[in-house]
């Protein structure tokens, strides 16, 4: 985790390796006591949400980097990965 200032706001940046996003996620505290979450693609920042409450941070980040919005698609992906892992084909 890296502490930083992002667009004039106190922030932290974490490196992730998710199904939908591999790279960095920046979480910044704005002046309204909400968090802004963005994914970093090289030098480009893509905002996920600009008004996230503290208790929503985990779900918002998980949906952006791993789960997505299609629960069935994510379950199918997990089953495929589980089959590869337990079948000995995934290292």
N, C-alpha and C. Protein backbone atom coordinates (compact mmCIF):
# COMPACT_ATOMS: atom_id res chain seq x y z
N UNK A 1 0.85 -1.16 0.00
CA UNK A 1 0.00 0.00 0.00
C UNK A 1 0.90 1.23 0.00
N UNK A 2 0.51 2.19 -0.80
CA UNK A 2 1.25 3.44 -0.92
C UNK A 2 0.34 4.58 -0.49
N UNK A 3 0.80 5.41 0.43
CA UNK A 3 0.04 6.60 0.81
C UNK A 3 0.40 7.72 -0.15
N UNK A 4 -0.59 8.51 -0.53
CA UNK A 4 -0.35 9.52 -1.55
C UNK A 4 -1.35 10.66 -1.42
N UNK A 5 -1.19 11.62 -2.29
CA UNK A 5 -2.18 12.68 -2.48
C UNK A 5 -2.64 12.54 -3.92
N UNK A 6 -3.96 12.42 -4.11
CA UNK A 6 -4.51 12.24 -5.45
C UNK A 6 -5.51 13.36 -5.71
N UNK A 7 -5.26 14.16 -6.72
CA UNK A 7 -6.10 15.32 -7.04
C UNK A 7 -6.35 16.19 -5.81
N UNK A 8 -5.31 16.38 -5.01
CA UNK A 8 -5.42 17.23 -3.82
C UNK A 8 -6.08 16.57 -2.62
N UNK A 9 -6.39 15.28 -2.71
CA UNK A 9 -7.06 14.57 -1.63
C UNK A 9 -6.12 13.53 -1.03
N UNK A 10 -6.20 13.31 0.30
CA UNK A 10 -5.41 12.23 0.89
C UNK A 10 -5.90 10.90 0.32
N UNK A 11 -4.96 10.01 0.00
CA UNK A 11 -5.34 8.78 -0.68
C UNK A 11 -4.37 7.66 -0.36
N UNK A 12 -4.78 6.45 -0.72
CA UNK A 12 -3.86 5.33 -0.71
C UNK A 12 -4.05 4.55 -2.00
N UNK A 13 -3.00 3.88 -2.40
CA UNK A 13 -3.01 3.11 -3.64
C UNK A 13 -2.59 1.68 -3.31
N UNK A 14 -3.34 0.71 -3.84
CA UNK A 14 -3.00 -0.69 -3.63
C UNK A 14 -2.87 -1.39 -4.98
N UNK A 15 -1.97 -2.35 -5.03
CA UNK A 15 -1.79 -3.13 -6.25
C UNK A 15 -2.66 -4.37 -6.14
N UNK A 16 -3.44 -4.65 -7.19
CA UNK A 16 -4.36 -5.78 -7.19
C UNK A 16 -4.13 -6.65 -8.42
N UNK A 17 -4.58 -7.87 -8.33
CA UNK A 17 -4.50 -8.79 -9.46
C UNK A 17 -5.82 -9.54 -9.54
N UNK A 18 -6.85 -8.85 -10.01
CA UNK A 18 -8.19 -9.43 -10.07
C UNK A 18 -8.51 -9.96 -11.45
N UNK A 19 -9.67 -10.58 -11.55
CA UNK A 19 -10.14 -11.14 -12.82
C UNK A 19 -10.44 -10.03 -13.82
N UNK A 20 -11.03 -8.94 -13.36
CA UNK A 20 -11.41 -7.84 -14.25
C UNK A 20 -10.37 -6.73 -14.34
N UNK A 21 -9.56 -6.59 -13.32
CA UNK A 21 -8.56 -5.52 -13.31
C UNK A 21 -7.31 -5.98 -12.58
N UNK A 22 -6.19 -5.84 -13.23
CA UNK A 22 -4.89 -6.07 -12.61
C UNK A 22 -4.11 -4.77 -12.73
N UNK A 23 -3.66 -4.27 -11.62
CA UNK A 23 -2.95 -2.99 -11.61
C UNK A 23 -3.17 -2.30 -10.28
N UNK A 24 -3.43 -1.02 -10.32
CA UNK A 24 -3.57 -0.25 -9.09
C UNK A 24 -4.99 0.27 -8.92
N UNK A 25 -5.40 0.34 -7.65
CA UNK A 25 -6.66 0.97 -7.26
C UNK A 25 -6.29 2.11 -6.32
N UNK A 26 -6.84 3.28 -6.59
CA UNK A 26 -6.62 4.44 -5.72
C UNK A 26 -7.91 4.76 -5.00
N UNK A 27 -7.80 4.95 -3.69
CA UNK A 27 -8.95 5.33 -2.86
C UNK A 27 -8.60 6.65 -2.21
N UNK A 28 -9.39 7.68 -2.49
CA UNK A 28 -9.12 9.03 -1.98
C UNK A 28 -10.31 9.52 -1.15
N UNK A 29 -10.01 10.23 -0.08
CA UNK A 29 -11.04 10.81 0.79
C UNK A 29 -11.31 12.23 0.32
N UNK A 30 -12.56 12.46 -0.16
CA UNK A 30 -12.87 13.81 -0.65
C UNK A 30 -13.35 14.71 0.49
N UNK A 31 -13.63 15.95 0.19
CA UNK A 31 -14.02 16.92 1.21
C UNK A 31 -15.40 16.71 1.80
N UNK A 32 -16.19 15.80 1.24
CA UNK A 32 -17.53 15.52 1.74
C UNK A 32 -17.58 14.27 2.61
N UNK A 33 -16.42 13.80 3.04
CA UNK A 33 -16.30 12.57 3.84
C UNK A 33 -16.77 11.33 3.10
N UNK A 34 -16.67 11.35 1.80
CA UNK A 34 -16.90 10.17 0.97
C UNK A 34 -15.57 9.80 0.33
N UNK A 35 -15.51 8.57 -0.14
CA UNK A 35 -14.31 8.10 -0.82
C UNK A 35 -14.54 8.06 -2.32
N UNK A 36 -13.50 8.36 -3.06
CA UNK A 36 -13.51 8.23 -4.51
C UNK A 36 -12.61 7.06 -4.86
N UNK A 37 -13.13 6.13 -5.66
CA UNK A 37 -12.38 4.93 -6.02
C UNK A 37 -12.13 4.96 -7.52
N UNK A 38 -10.88 4.79 -7.91
CA UNK A 38 -10.57 4.74 -9.33
C UNK A 38 -9.54 3.66 -9.61
N UNK A 39 -9.64 3.11 -10.81
CA UNK A 39 -8.70 2.10 -11.29
C UNK A 39 -7.68 2.81 -12.16
N UNK A 40 -6.43 2.45 -12.01
CA UNK A 40 -5.38 3.07 -12.81
C UNK A 40 -4.97 2.12 -13.91
N UNK A 41 -5.12 2.58 -15.15
CA UNK A 41 -4.70 1.86 -16.34
C UNK A 41 -3.53 2.63 -16.94
N UNK A 42 -2.32 2.25 -16.58
CA UNK A 42 -1.15 3.03 -17.01
C UNK A 42 -1.20 4.40 -16.36
N UNK A 43 -1.29 5.44 -17.17
CA UNK A 43 -1.38 6.80 -16.64
C UNK A 43 -2.81 7.33 -16.64
N UNK A 44 -3.76 6.50 -17.05
CA UNK A 44 -5.16 6.90 -17.12
C UNK A 44 -5.92 6.37 -15.91
N UNK A 45 -6.68 7.25 -15.26
CA UNK A 45 -7.52 6.86 -14.13
C UNK A 45 -8.96 6.74 -14.59
N UNK A 46 -9.59 5.62 -14.26
CA UNK A 46 -11.00 5.39 -14.58
C UNK A 46 -11.76 5.35 -13.26
N UNK A 47 -12.65 6.33 -13.06
CA UNK A 47 -13.41 6.38 -11.82
C UNK A 47 -14.43 5.26 -11.77
N UNK A 48 -14.47 4.57 -10.64
CA UNK A 48 -15.46 3.53 -10.39
C UNK A 48 -16.67 4.16 -9.72
N UNK A 49 -16.39 4.99 -8.72
CA UNK A 49 -17.46 5.65 -7.98
C UNK A 49 -16.85 6.84 -7.25
N UNK A 50 -17.57 7.94 -7.22
CA UNK A 50 -17.04 9.15 -6.60
C UNK A 50 -17.66 9.47 -5.25
N UNK A 51 -18.64 8.67 -4.80
CA UNK A 51 -19.26 8.91 -3.49
C UNK A 51 -19.50 7.58 -2.80
N UNK A 52 -18.44 7.04 -2.20
CA UNK A 52 -18.52 5.75 -1.54
C UNK A 52 -18.39 5.95 -0.04
N UNK A 53 -19.33 5.41 0.73
CA UNK A 53 -19.23 5.43 2.18
C UNK A 53 -18.21 4.39 2.64
N UNK A 54 -17.69 4.59 3.83
CA UNK A 54 -16.66 3.69 4.37
C UNK A 54 -17.10 2.23 4.34
N UNK A 55 -18.35 1.96 4.76
CA UNK A 55 -18.81 0.58 4.84
C UNK A 55 -19.11 -0.05 3.48
N UNK A 56 -19.03 0.71 2.41
CA UNK A 56 -19.25 0.19 1.06
C UNK A 56 -17.96 -0.06 0.28
N UNK A 57 -16.84 0.38 0.84
CA UNK A 57 -15.57 0.32 0.10
C UNK A 57 -15.22 -1.08 -0.38
N UNK A 58 -15.33 -2.07 0.49
CA UNK A 58 -14.97 -3.44 0.12
C UNK A 58 -15.78 -3.95 -1.05
N UNK A 59 -17.10 -3.76 -1.00
CA UNK A 59 -17.97 -4.22 -2.08
C UNK A 59 -17.70 -3.49 -3.39
N UNK A 60 -17.49 -2.19 -3.32
CA UNK A 60 -17.24 -1.40 -4.53
C UNK A 60 -15.94 -1.85 -5.20
N UNK A 61 -14.89 -2.01 -4.41
CA UNK A 61 -13.60 -2.43 -4.97
C UNK A 61 -13.69 -3.85 -5.50
N UNK A 62 -14.32 -4.76 -4.76
CA UNK A 62 -14.45 -6.15 -5.20
C UNK A 62 -15.20 -6.25 -6.52
N UNK A 63 -16.28 -5.50 -6.65
CA UNK A 63 -17.07 -5.51 -7.88
C UNK A 63 -16.26 -4.97 -9.06
N UNK A 64 -15.41 -3.98 -8.80
CA UNK A 64 -14.62 -3.36 -9.88
C UNK A 64 -13.46 -4.22 -10.34
N UNK A 65 -12.83 -4.96 -9.44
CA UNK A 65 -11.63 -5.69 -9.83
C UNK A 65 -11.84 -7.19 -9.99
N UNK A 66 -12.90 -7.74 -9.39
CA UNK A 66 -13.03 -9.20 -9.38
C UNK A 66 -14.39 -9.69 -9.85
N UNK A 67 -15.45 -9.31 -9.16
CA UNK A 67 -16.77 -9.91 -9.39
C UNK A 67 -17.53 -9.37 -10.60
N UNK A 68 -17.44 -8.10 -10.84
CA UNK A 68 -18.26 -7.49 -11.88
C UNK A 68 -19.71 -7.40 -11.42
N UNK A 69 -20.61 -7.24 -12.37
CA UNK A 69 -22.02 -7.10 -12.04
C UNK A 69 -22.84 -8.31 -12.43
N UNK A 70 -22.25 -9.26 -13.15
CA UNK A 70 -22.96 -10.46 -13.59
C UNK A 70 -22.57 -11.63 -12.68
N UNK A 71 -23.43 -11.93 -11.71
CA UNK A 71 -23.13 -12.97 -10.73
C UNK A 71 -22.97 -14.35 -11.36
N UNK A 72 -23.80 -14.67 -12.35
CA UNK A 72 -23.69 -15.98 -13.00
C UNK A 72 -22.37 -16.13 -13.76
N UNK A 73 -21.95 -15.08 -14.43
CA UNK A 73 -20.68 -15.12 -15.16
C UNK A 73 -19.51 -15.33 -14.18
N UNK A 74 -19.58 -14.65 -13.04
CA UNK A 74 -18.51 -14.79 -12.05
C UNK A 74 -18.49 -16.20 -11.46
N UNK A 75 -19.66 -16.75 -11.18
CA UNK A 75 -19.72 -18.12 -10.64
C UNK A 75 -19.14 -19.11 -11.64
N UNK A 76 -19.45 -18.92 -12.91
CA UNK A 76 -18.92 -19.80 -13.96
C UNK A 76 -17.39 -19.71 -14.00
N UNK A 77 -16.86 -18.50 -13.93
CA UNK A 77 -15.41 -18.30 -13.91
C UNK A 77 -14.79 -19.01 -12.70
N UNK A 78 -15.39 -18.87 -11.53
CA UNK A 78 -14.86 -19.50 -10.31
C UNK A 78 -14.88 -21.01 -10.44
N UNK A 79 -15.94 -21.57 -11.00
CA UNK A 79 -16.02 -23.02 -11.19
C UNK A 79 -14.93 -23.50 -12.14
N UNK A 80 -14.68 -22.75 -13.20
CA UNK A 80 -13.62 -23.12 -14.14
C UNK A 80 -12.25 -23.09 -13.46
N UNK A 81 -12.01 -22.06 -12.66
CA UNK A 81 -10.74 -21.95 -11.96
C UNK A 81 -10.58 -23.06 -10.92
N UNK A 82 -11.68 -23.39 -10.23
CA UNK A 82 -11.65 -24.47 -9.25
C UNK A 82 -11.33 -25.80 -9.92
N UNK A 83 -11.94 -26.05 -11.09
CA UNK A 83 -11.69 -27.29 -11.83
C UNK A 83 -10.23 -27.37 -12.26
N UNK A 84 -9.68 -26.25 -12.73
CA UNK A 84 -8.27 -26.23 -13.12
C UNK A 84 -7.36 -26.47 -11.93
N UNK A 85 -7.68 -25.84 -10.81
CA UNK A 85 -6.85 -25.95 -9.62
C UNK A 85 -6.86 -27.38 -9.07
N UNK A 86 -8.04 -27.95 -8.90
CA UNK A 86 -8.14 -29.29 -8.33
C UNK A 86 -7.85 -30.38 -9.34
N UNK A 87 -7.88 -30.03 -10.62
CA UNK A 87 -7.52 -30.99 -11.65
C UNK A 87 -6.02 -31.02 -11.90
N UNK A 88 -5.29 -30.14 -11.21
CA UNK A 88 -3.84 -30.12 -11.32
C UNK A 88 -3.31 -29.41 -12.54
N UNK A 89 -4.16 -28.67 -13.25
CA UNK A 89 -3.71 -27.99 -14.47
C UNK A 89 -3.39 -26.53 -14.25
N UNK A 90 -3.58 -26.04 -13.06
CA UNK A 90 -3.30 -24.64 -12.75
C UNK A 90 -2.16 -24.59 -11.75
N UNK A 91 -1.16 -23.80 -12.05
CA UNK A 91 -0.01 -23.70 -11.14
C UNK A 91 0.04 -22.35 -10.49
